[in-house]
Amino acid sequence: MAAFLLFVFVFTNHLISGFSTQLPPPIYGNTITILSIDGGGIRGIVPAVILQHLENALQELDKDASLANYFDVIAGTSTGGLMTSLLTTPEPHTNQPLFNASTLIQFYKELGPHIFNQTSGWNPTYPGPKYDGKFLHNIAREILKETRLQDTLTNVVIPTFDLKTLHPVIFSNFKVKKVPSLNAKLSDISIGTSAAPTYLPPYYFKNGNTEFNLVDGGVAATNPAMAAVSEVIQQLKEENPRFKRHTKILLLSIGCGIKKAEGYDANIAGQWSQGFWVQSGLSGAIYDYASKDMTHYNLATVFPGLQSPNHYLRIQDYNMDPSMDSLDNATQVNMENLERVGKNLLNEQVLRMNITTFVPEKDKNDITNAKALERLAKTLHKEKQLRLENKLMEKRGRPFIENDAIPLGRSWSS
């Protein structure tokens, strides 16, 4: 079954993929472009729908466009890490990505029920995780084969967490030369970042002499946007010759949807026992919400007030129906509902996070997410054309002018 579905996905993708020109490095342009995809299990269908809209908008300008050929960095945690690998793994004969956004949606809808196929007889007291992970491990290896981190079509940043060292492990192309042990197979990285505790087993593998004992990257960064931005800033500080020192950063960050948080009165919570905190899962939920809010807060260092519509766009459903909040509800009905959430999200107004109240607010320009993505596509296309032109000038022996002030077109929300 897995082999047959893999053939269908890859064959379909080859029919609709062309030969898009690869993106020259940022030294030839004005802006470093980053795509970040949150973790969320089967809810990965939501960002897949958003990415499909962006890809379609890019293909209106460049019929052979793929996301890997328009972003300098693609980052993903957990399900987002798996998507990152699928979008950036090259097909050997065409050097185009094995998957595009449309086939990502098919991937989840066809394979989701097999990935989340409950271990027979399992219940919360059963030793081991809810799912054995065998199908996910097999399909990841079949699709990604021997592809390693250094082989991706663009730079990737995939957070994981090592249970033995109790430290995050950030798999990043930028670090491969300095830390060769990070140049692992994408299949191993994808399995590791997706190993959500209690759902899927921790994942052990060796790369050379280095051992990894990995669990879900969401333990370290459910939203990997800050990790991706940090990797880029490190390159700028280290004066990577492929990056201009004063280059701007453009970030598209996509969430998998979360249900509205419900708080508790301190006087009531003060009466809860330790057992209640553990059994209810509230302690973990609190840390999860806090971690996501702190990502927004820290990003404000790069994007002051998160009010920079030219350079930062976050698309997230902050009020998802609780019935769809589960990481592993891969029923046909729920997956169709998640696809509908993504489509509805496109028609909703852009939201900006208020980092004082941590409440999302409607963007003052009254623009939908779909329109913002379409304008972002134009910005990405102009940036790529600028880089191609500058690279061609250099090839012809004419030095190109480095001008950070060259306009990239209209604001996404103006």
Protein backbone atom coordinates (compact mmCIF):
# COMPACT_ATOMS: atom_id res chain seq x y z
CA MET A 1 0.00 0.00 0.00
CA ALA A 2 2.71 2.49 0.99
CA ALA A 3 4.74 1.82 -2.18
CA PHE A 4 1.67 2.23 -4.41
CA LEU A 5 0.63 5.52 -2.79
CA LEU A 6 4.19 6.81 -3.07
CA PHE A 7 4.19 6.05 -6.81
CA VAL A 8 0.90 7.92 -7.27
CA PHE A 9 2.14 11.00 -5.40
CA VAL A 10 5.46 11.23 -7.21
CA PHE A 11 3.97 10.49 -10.63
CA THR A 12 1.27 13.15 -10.13
CA ASN A 13 3.83 15.68 -9.01
CA HIS A 14 6.00 15.03 -12.09
CA LEU A 15 3.02 15.69 -14.35
CA ILE A 16 2.46 19.15 -12.91
CA SER A 17 6.06 20.13 -12.10
CA GLY A 18 8.20 21.98 -14.57
CA PHE A 19 11.76 23.16 -14.46
CA SER A 20 11.68 26.26 -12.31
CA THR A 21 15.01 28.07 -12.05
CA GLN A 22 16.63 27.72 -8.64
CA LEU A 23 16.79 30.79 -6.41
CA PRO A 24 20.21 32.48 -6.45
CA PRO A 25 21.66 33.21 -2.98
CA PRO A 26 20.63 36.36 -1.07
CA ILE A 27 23.86 38.20 -1.95
CA TYR A 28 22.24 38.96 -5.32
CA GLY A 29 19.07 40.43 -3.84
CA ASN A 30 17.64 42.62 -1.11
CA THR A 31 15.69 40.22 1.10
CA ILE A 32 16.20 36.84 2.78
CA THR A 33 12.98 34.86 2.46
CA ILE A 34 11.82 32.40 5.14
CA LEU A 35 8.86 30.02 5.32
CA SER A 36 8.02 28.51 8.73
CA ILE A 37 5.48 25.71 9.39
CA ASP A 38 4.24 24.82 12.88
CA GLY A 39 3.80 21.38 14.38
CA GLY A 40 0.32 19.90 14.79
CA GLY A 41 0.02 16.29 13.61
CA ILE A 42 -2.84 15.64 11.21
CA ARG A 43 -3.70 19.34 11.47
CA GLY A 44 -0.84 19.83 9.01
CA ILE A 45 -3.62 19.78 6.42
CA VAL A 46 -4.36 23.41 7.37
CA PRO A 47 -0.95 24.88 6.40
CA ALA A 48 -0.88 22.61 3.35
CA VAL A 49 -4.02 24.37 2.08
CA ILE A 50 -2.45 27.78 2.75
CA LEU A 51 0.71 26.76 0.91
CA GLN A 52 -1.32 25.53 -2.04
CA HIS A 53 -2.84 29.00 -2.40
CA LEU A 54 0.60 30.63 -2.27
CA GLU A 55 2.02 28.15 -4.76
CA ASN A 56 -0.88 28.76 -7.15
CA ALA A 57 -0.30 32.52 -6.85
CA LEU A 58 3.39 32.04 -7.66
CA GLN A 59 2.51 29.90 -10.65
CA GLU A 60 0.39 32.74 -12.04
CA LEU A 61 3.72 34.58 -12.35
CA ASP A 62 5.99 31.60 -13.03
CA LYS A 63 4.17 28.50 -14.29
CA ASP A 64 6.92 26.17 -13.01
CA ALA A 65 7.24 27.77 -9.56
CA SER A 66 7.83 25.65 -6.47
CA LEU A 67 8.14 26.83 -2.89
CA ALA A 68 11.70 25.48 -2.59
CA ASN A 69 12.75 27.77 -5.44
CA TYR A 70 11.35 30.93 -3.83
CA PHE A 71 12.39 30.65 -0.16
CA ASP A 72 15.95 30.82 1.12
CA VAL A 73 14.93 28.89 4.22
CA ILE A 74 12.04 26.53 4.93
CA ALA A 75 11.62 25.61 8.59
CA GLY A 76 9.26 23.09 10.15
CA THR A 77 8.61 21.35 13.45
CA SER A 78 6.99 17.92 13.81
CA THR A 79 4.41 17.63 11.02
CA GLY A 80 5.86 20.90 9.68
CA GLY A 81 9.31 19.27 9.66
CA LEU A 82 7.98 16.37 7.63
CA MET A 83 6.39 18.82 5.19
CA THR A 84 9.67 20.72 4.97
CA SER A 85 11.50 17.53 3.99
CA LEU A 86 8.90 16.61 1.37
CA LEU A 87 8.96 20.09 -0.18
CA THR A 88 12.76 20.31 -0.39
CA THR A 89 13.84 16.78 -1.35
CA PRO A 90 14.97 16.81 -5.00
CA GLU A 91 13.67 14.37 -7.55
CA PRO A 92 16.89 12.84 -8.93
CA HIS A 93 16.16 13.24 -12.65
CA THR A 94 14.73 16.78 -12.74
CA ASN A 95 16.19 18.28 -9.55
CA GLN A 96 12.70 19.53 -8.76
CA PRO A 97 10.97 18.86 -5.40
CA LEU A 98 9.33 15.46 -4.99
CA PHE A 99 6.24 17.12 -3.50
CA ASN A 100 4.35 20.34 -4.07
CA ALA A 101 1.61 21.84 -1.89
CA SER A 102 -1.21 20.00 -3.67
CA THR A 103 0.38 16.61 -3.18
CA LEU A 104 0.98 17.47 0.49
CA ILE A 105 -2.78 17.61 1.00
CA GLN A 106 -3.13 14.23 -0.72
CA PHE A 107 -0.33 12.86 1.46
CA TYR A 108 -2.20 13.67 4.66
CA LYS A 109 -5.61 12.55 3.46
CA GLU A 110 -4.37 9.25 2.03
CA LEU A 111 -1.66 8.31 4.52
CA GLY A 112 -2.93 9.97 7.71
CA PRO A 113 -5.24 7.05 8.61
CA HIS A 114 -2.32 4.63 8.17
CA ILE A 115 0.11 6.73 10.25
CA PHE A 116 -2.42 7.09 13.07
CA ASN A 117 -3.50 3.47 13.10
CA GLN A 118 -3.90 2.76 16.80
CA THR A 119 -1.84 -0.03 18.36
CA SER A 120 -4.17 -2.97 18.93
CA GLY A 121 -5.62 -3.07 22.44
CA TRP A 122 -4.02 0.23 23.46
CA ASN A 123 -5.38 2.32 26.34
CA PRO A 124 -3.79 5.08 28.46
CA THR A 125 -2.33 2.50 30.89
CA TYR A 126 -0.80 0.42 28.06
CA PRO A 127 3.03 0.48 28.04
CA GLY A 128 4.37 2.38 25.07
CA PRO A 129 2.90 5.08 22.82
CA LYS A 130 -0.53 5.11 21.23
CA TYR A 131 0.93 4.32 17.78
CA ASP A 132 3.89 2.11 16.93
CA GLY A 133 5.18 4.48 14.22
CA LYS A 134 6.09 1.68 11.82
CA PHE A 135 4.08 2.98 8.90
CA LEU A 136 5.43 6.54 9.28
CA HIS A 137 8.99 5.22 9.52
CA ASN A 138 8.58 3.07 6.41
CA ILE A 139 6.91 5.72 4.27
CA ALA A 140 9.48 8.38 5.26
CA ARG A 141 12.32 6.06 4.23
CA GLU A 142 10.62 5.10 0.97
CA ILE A 143 9.98 8.69 -0.04
CA LEU A 144 13.15 10.40 1.17
CA LYS A 145 15.50 7.47 0.47
CA GLU A 146 19.17 8.42 0.98
CA THR A 147 18.64 12.19 0.81
CA ARG A 148 20.66 13.99 3.46
CA LEU A 149 20.34 17.42 4.98
CA GLN A 150 23.02 18.85 2.66
CA ASP A 151 21.07 17.67 -0.41
CA THR A 152 17.92 19.79 0.02
CA LEU A 153 16.91 22.22 -2.71
CA THR A 154 17.02 25.13 -0.25
CA ASN A 155 18.16 25.61 3.33
CA VAL A 156 16.03 23.88 5.95
CA VAL A 157 15.75 24.28 9.72
CA ILE A 158 14.09 21.41 11.61
CA PRO A 159 14.02 21.44 15.45
CA THR A 160 14.03 18.20 17.45
CA PHE A 161 14.68 17.39 21.10
CA ASP A 162 17.17 14.80 22.38
CA LEU A 163 15.88 12.84 25.37
CA LYS A 164 19.32 11.67 26.43
CA THR A 165 21.13 15.01 26.40
CA LEU A 166 17.97 16.93 27.34
CA HIS A 167 18.81 19.60 24.77
CA PRO A 168 17.26 20.69 21.47
CA VAL A 169 18.92 19.52 18.29
CA ILE A 170 18.39 21.94 15.41
CA PHE A 171 19.03 20.30 12.06
CA SER A 172 20.14 23.16 9.83
CA ASN A 173 22.02 23.21 6.53
CA PHE A 174 23.92 26.23 7.80
CA LYS A 175 25.59 24.14 10.50
CA VAL A 176 26.54 21.06 8.48
CA LYS A 177 30.12 22.16 7.75
CA LYS A 178 30.86 22.96 11.38
CA VAL A 179 28.89 20.02 12.81
CA PRO A 180 29.05 17.14 10.28
CA SER A 181 26.99 14.87 12.53
CA LEU A 182 23.93 16.99 11.71
CA ASN A 183 24.15 15.91 8.06
CA ALA A 184 21.76 13.04 8.73
CA LYS A 185 19.26 11.43 6.39
CA LEU A 186 16.10 13.49 6.00
CA SER A 187 14.08 10.38 6.77
CA ASP A 188 15.74 10.10 10.21
CA ILE A 189 15.30 13.83 10.88
CA SER A 190 11.63 13.74 9.83
CA ILE A 191 10.86 10.70 11.97
CA GLY A 192 12.64 12.29 14.93
CA THR A 193 10.92 15.67 14.76
CA SER A 194 7.52 13.93 14.43
CA ALA A 195 7.92 11.60 17.45
CA ALA A 196 5.29 13.27 19.65
CA PRO A 197 5.53 11.88 23.21
CA THR A 198 2.70 9.42 24.09
CA TYR A 199 1.63 9.34 20.41
CA LEU A 200 4.71 7.98 18.65
CA PRO A 201 7.85 6.27 20.02
CA PRO A 202 11.07 8.21 20.65
CA TYR A 203 13.43 7.66 17.75
CA TYR A 204 17.02 6.41 18.02
CA PHE A 205 19.52 6.48 15.20
CA LYS A 206 23.24 6.94 14.62
CA ASN A 207 24.88 9.23 12.11
CA GLY A 208 28.50 8.23 11.98
CA ASN A 209 29.63 7.97 15.59
CA THR A 210 26.95 10.33 16.91
CA GLU A 211 23.86 8.94 18.59
CA PHE A 212 20.48 10.67 18.58
CA ASN A 213 17.54 9.90 20.87
CA LEU A 214 14.87 12.18 19.48
CA VAL A 215 11.33 13.23 20.28
CA ASP A 216 9.00 15.78 18.73
CA GLY A 217 10.57 19.13 17.88
CA GLY A 218 7.53 20.76 19.47
CA VAL A 219 9.11 20.07 22.86
CA ALA A 220 11.60 22.80 21.91
CA ALA A 221 9.71 24.91 19.36
CA THR A 222 6.19 24.15 18.17
CA ASN A 223 6.49 27.32 16.12
CA PRO A 224 9.97 27.16 14.52
CA ALA A 225 9.91 30.73 13.16
CA MET A 226 12.31 32.14 15.73
CA ALA A 227 14.69 29.20 15.22
CA ALA A 228 14.77 29.94 11.48
CA VAL A 229 15.28 33.68 11.99
CA SER A 230 18.04 32.97 14.52
CA GLU A 231 19.85 30.74 12.02
CA VAL A 232 19.73 33.53 9.42
CA ILE A 233 20.90 36.21 11.86
CA GLN A 234 23.83 34.00 12.85
CA GLN A 235 24.82 33.80 9.17
CA LEU A 236 24.65 37.59 8.86
CA LYS A 237 26.81 38.02 11.96
CA GLU A 238 29.31 35.48 10.70
CA GLU A 239 29.36 37.35 7.38
CA ASN A 240 28.43 34.38 5.25
CA PRO A 241 29.57 35.40 1.74
CA ARG A 242 26.18 34.34 0.33
CA PHE A 243 24.41 36.92 2.52
CA LYS A 244 24.62 40.71 2.41
CA ARG A 245 25.24 42.26 5.82
CA HIS A 246 22.22 44.57 5.81
CA THR A 247 19.77 42.36 3.96
CA LYS A 248 16.16 42.50 5.15
CA ILE A 249 14.29 39.41 6.33
CA LEU A 250 10.88 38.36 5.04
CA LEU A 251 8.97 35.74 7.05
CA LEU A 252 5.81 33.76 6.32
CA SER A 253 4.75 31.74 9.38
CA ILE A 254 1.84 29.27 9.20
CA GLY A 255 0.13 27.54 12.11
CA CYS A 256 -1.91 24.33 12.23
CA GLY A 257 -4.79 25.88 14.20
CA ILE A 258 -5.41 25.86 17.95
CA LYS A 259 -8.56 25.85 20.03
CA LYS A 260 -9.34 28.95 22.06
CA ALA A 261 -7.57 28.84 25.41
CA GLU A 262 -9.65 28.73 28.59
CA GLY A 263 -8.03 30.18 31.69
CA TYR A 264 -8.63 29.47 35.37
CA ASP A 265 -9.04 31.60 38.46
CA ALA A 266 -5.92 31.46 40.67
CA ASN A 267 -8.04 30.85 43.77
CA ILE A 268 -9.60 27.78 42.16
CA ALA A 269 -6.32 26.47 40.73
CA GLY A 270 -4.76 26.86 44.16
CA GLN A 271 -6.90 23.97 45.39
CA TRP A 272 -5.77 21.52 42.70
CA SER A 273 -3.61 18.56 43.68
CA GLN A 274 -0.39 17.59 41.95
CA GLY A 275 -2.17 14.55 40.55
CA PHE A 276 -4.89 16.71 39.03
CA TRP A 277 -2.35 18.92 37.27
CA VAL A 278 -0.63 15.86 35.80
CA GLN A 279 -3.76 13.91 34.83
CA SER A 280 -5.57 16.91 33.36
CA GLY A 281 -2.63 17.83 31.13
CA LEU A 282 -2.98 21.47 32.20
CA SER A 283 0.68 21.86 33.13
CA GLY A 284 1.77 20.84 29.64
CA ALA A 285 -0.89 23.01 27.99
CA ILE A 286 0.25 26.06 29.96
CA TYR A 287 3.85 25.61 28.85
CA ASP A 288 2.68 25.11 25.25
CA TYR A 289 0.69 28.36 25.18
CA ALA A 290 3.52 30.22 26.92
CA SER A 291 6.09 28.92 24.42
CA LYS A 292 4.02 30.05 21.43
CA ASP A 293 3.45 33.51 22.91
CA MET A 294 7.15 33.91 23.66
CA THR A 295 7.93 33.12 20.03
CA HIS A 296 5.83 36.13 19.02
CA TYR A 297 7.47 38.21 21.73
CA ASN A 298 10.99 37.32 20.64
CA LEU A 299 10.18 37.86 16.97
CA ALA A 300 9.32 41.45 17.88
CA THR A 301 13.10 41.95 18.17
CA VAL A 302 13.29 41.44 14.42
CA PHE A 303 9.83 42.71 13.47
CA PRO A 304 9.04 45.57 15.94
CA GLY A 305 5.52 45.16 17.30
CA LEU A 306 4.88 42.46 14.70
CA GLN A 307 3.41 45.31 12.67
CA SER A 308 5.68 45.03 9.65
CA PRO A 309 3.31 43.95 6.86
CA ASN A 310 6.10 44.17 4.30
CA HIS A 311 8.16 41.54 6.04
CA TYR A 312 6.08 39.42 8.41
CA LEU A 313 2.87 37.47 7.86
CA ARG A 314 1.46 34.99 10.37
CA ILE A 315 -1.54 32.87 9.35
CA GLN A 316 -3.18 30.93 12.17
CA ASP A 317 -6.68 29.88 13.28
CA TYR A 318 -6.78 30.91 16.95
CA ASN A 319 -10.29 29.62 17.55
CA MET A 320 -10.41 26.13 16.04
CA ASP A 321 -13.36 23.90 16.86
CA PRO A 322 -12.20 21.76 19.84
CA SER A 323 -13.36 18.64 17.98
CA MET A 324 -10.54 19.24 15.46
CA ASP A 325 -7.80 20.07 17.97
CA SER A 326 -6.51 16.49 18.27
CA LEU A 327 -3.14 15.66 16.71
CA ASP A 328 -4.28 12.22 15.55
CA ASN A 329 -7.92 12.39 14.46
CA ALA A 330 -7.39 11.07 10.93
CA THR A 331 -11.00 10.20 10.18
CA GLN A 332 -12.21 11.18 6.73
CA VAL A 333 -14.72 13.63 8.21
CA ASN A 334 -12.13 15.39 10.37
CA MET A 335 -9.58 15.65 7.56
CA GLU A 336 -12.22 17.21 5.29
CA ASN A 337 -13.09 19.61 8.11
CA LEU A 338 -9.43 20.56 8.49
CA GLU A 339 -9.18 21.22 4.77
CA ARG A 340 -12.24 23.44 5.11
CA VAL A 341 -10.57 25.29 8.01
CA GLY A 342 -7.63 26.10 5.74
CA LYS A 343 -9.92 27.36 2.97
CA ASN A 344 -11.97 29.46 5.38
CA LEU A 345 -8.79 30.88 6.86
CA LEU A 346 -7.84 32.21 3.43
CA ASN A 347 -10.98 34.36 3.42
CA GLU A 348 -10.46 35.71 6.93
CA GLN A 349 -8.77 39.01 7.68
CA VAL A 350 -5.05 39.10 8.48
CA LEU A 351 -4.41 39.08 12.23
CA ARG A 352 -1.49 40.68 14.05
CA MET A 353 -0.44 39.50 17.50
CA ASN A 354 -0.50 42.18 20.19
CA ILE A 355 2.62 41.29 22.19
CA THR A 356 1.42 43.18 25.25
CA THR A 357 -1.92 41.40 25.63
CA PHE A 358 -1.04 38.37 23.46
CA VAL A 359 -4.41 38.69 21.79
CA PRO A 360 -4.53 38.59 17.97
CA GLU A 361 -6.02 41.73 16.46
CA LYS A 362 -7.38 42.45 12.99
CA ASP A 363 -4.93 44.13 10.68
CA LYS A 364 -5.77 47.81 10.19
CA ASN A 365 -5.57 47.46 6.41
CA ASP A 366 -8.55 45.07 6.29
CA ILE A 367 -6.98 42.53 3.94
CA THR A 368 -7.69 38.80 3.73
CA ASN A 369 -5.03 36.14 4.15
CA ALA A 370 -5.60 35.10 0.52
CA LYS A 371 -4.92 38.60 -0.75
CA ALA A 372 -1.88 38.92 1.51
CA LEU A 373 -0.48 35.67 0.09
CA GLU A 374 -1.08 36.85 -3.47
CA ARG A 375 0.81 40.06 -2.79
CA LEU A 376 3.54 38.09 -1.04
CA ALA A 377 3.85 35.97 -4.19
CA LYS A 378 4.52 39.14 -6.20
CA THR A 379 7.16 40.22 -3.68
CA LEU A 380 8.85 36.81 -3.84
CA HIS A 381 8.77 36.85 -7.63
CA LYS A 382 10.30 40.34 -7.84
CA GLU A 383 13.03 39.35 -5.42
CA LYS A 384 13.88 36.27 -7.47
CA GLN A 385 13.92 38.25 -10.73
CA LEU A 386 16.23 40.81 -9.16
CA ARG A 387 18.63 38.06 -8.08
CA LEU A 388 18.60 36.41 -11.50
CA GLU A 389 19.32 39.73 -13.20
CA ASN A 390 22.17 40.57 -10.83
CA LYS A 391 23.66 37.11 -11.21
CA LEU A 392 23.48 37.43 -15.01
CA MET A 393 25.22 40.82 -14.84
CA GLU A 394 27.99 39.31 -12.75
CA LYS A 395 28.36 36.41 -15.17
CA ARG A 396 28.80 38.92 -18.01
CA GLY A 397 31.57 40.64 -16.07
CA ARG A 398 29.55 43.67 -14.96
CA PRO A 399 29.39 44.26 -11.18
CA PHE A 400 25.83 44.61 -9.96
CA ILE A 401 24.84 47.48 -7.66
CA GLU A 402 24.03 46.45 -4.11
CA ASN A 403 21.15 48.72 -3.12
CA ASP A 404 19.08 47.67 -0.12
CA ALA A 405 16.60 50.41 -0.84
CA ILE A 406 15.32 48.93 -4.11
CA PRO A 407 11.54 48.66 -3.60
CA LEU A 408 10.06 45.18 -3.79
CA GLY A 409 6.57 46.35 -4.68
CA ARG A 410 3.46 47.02 -2.66
CA SER A 411 2.96 46.08 0.95
CA TRP A 412 1.14 42.79 1.49
CA SER A 413 -1.53 44.69 3.38
CA SER A 414 -1.84 48.04 1.69
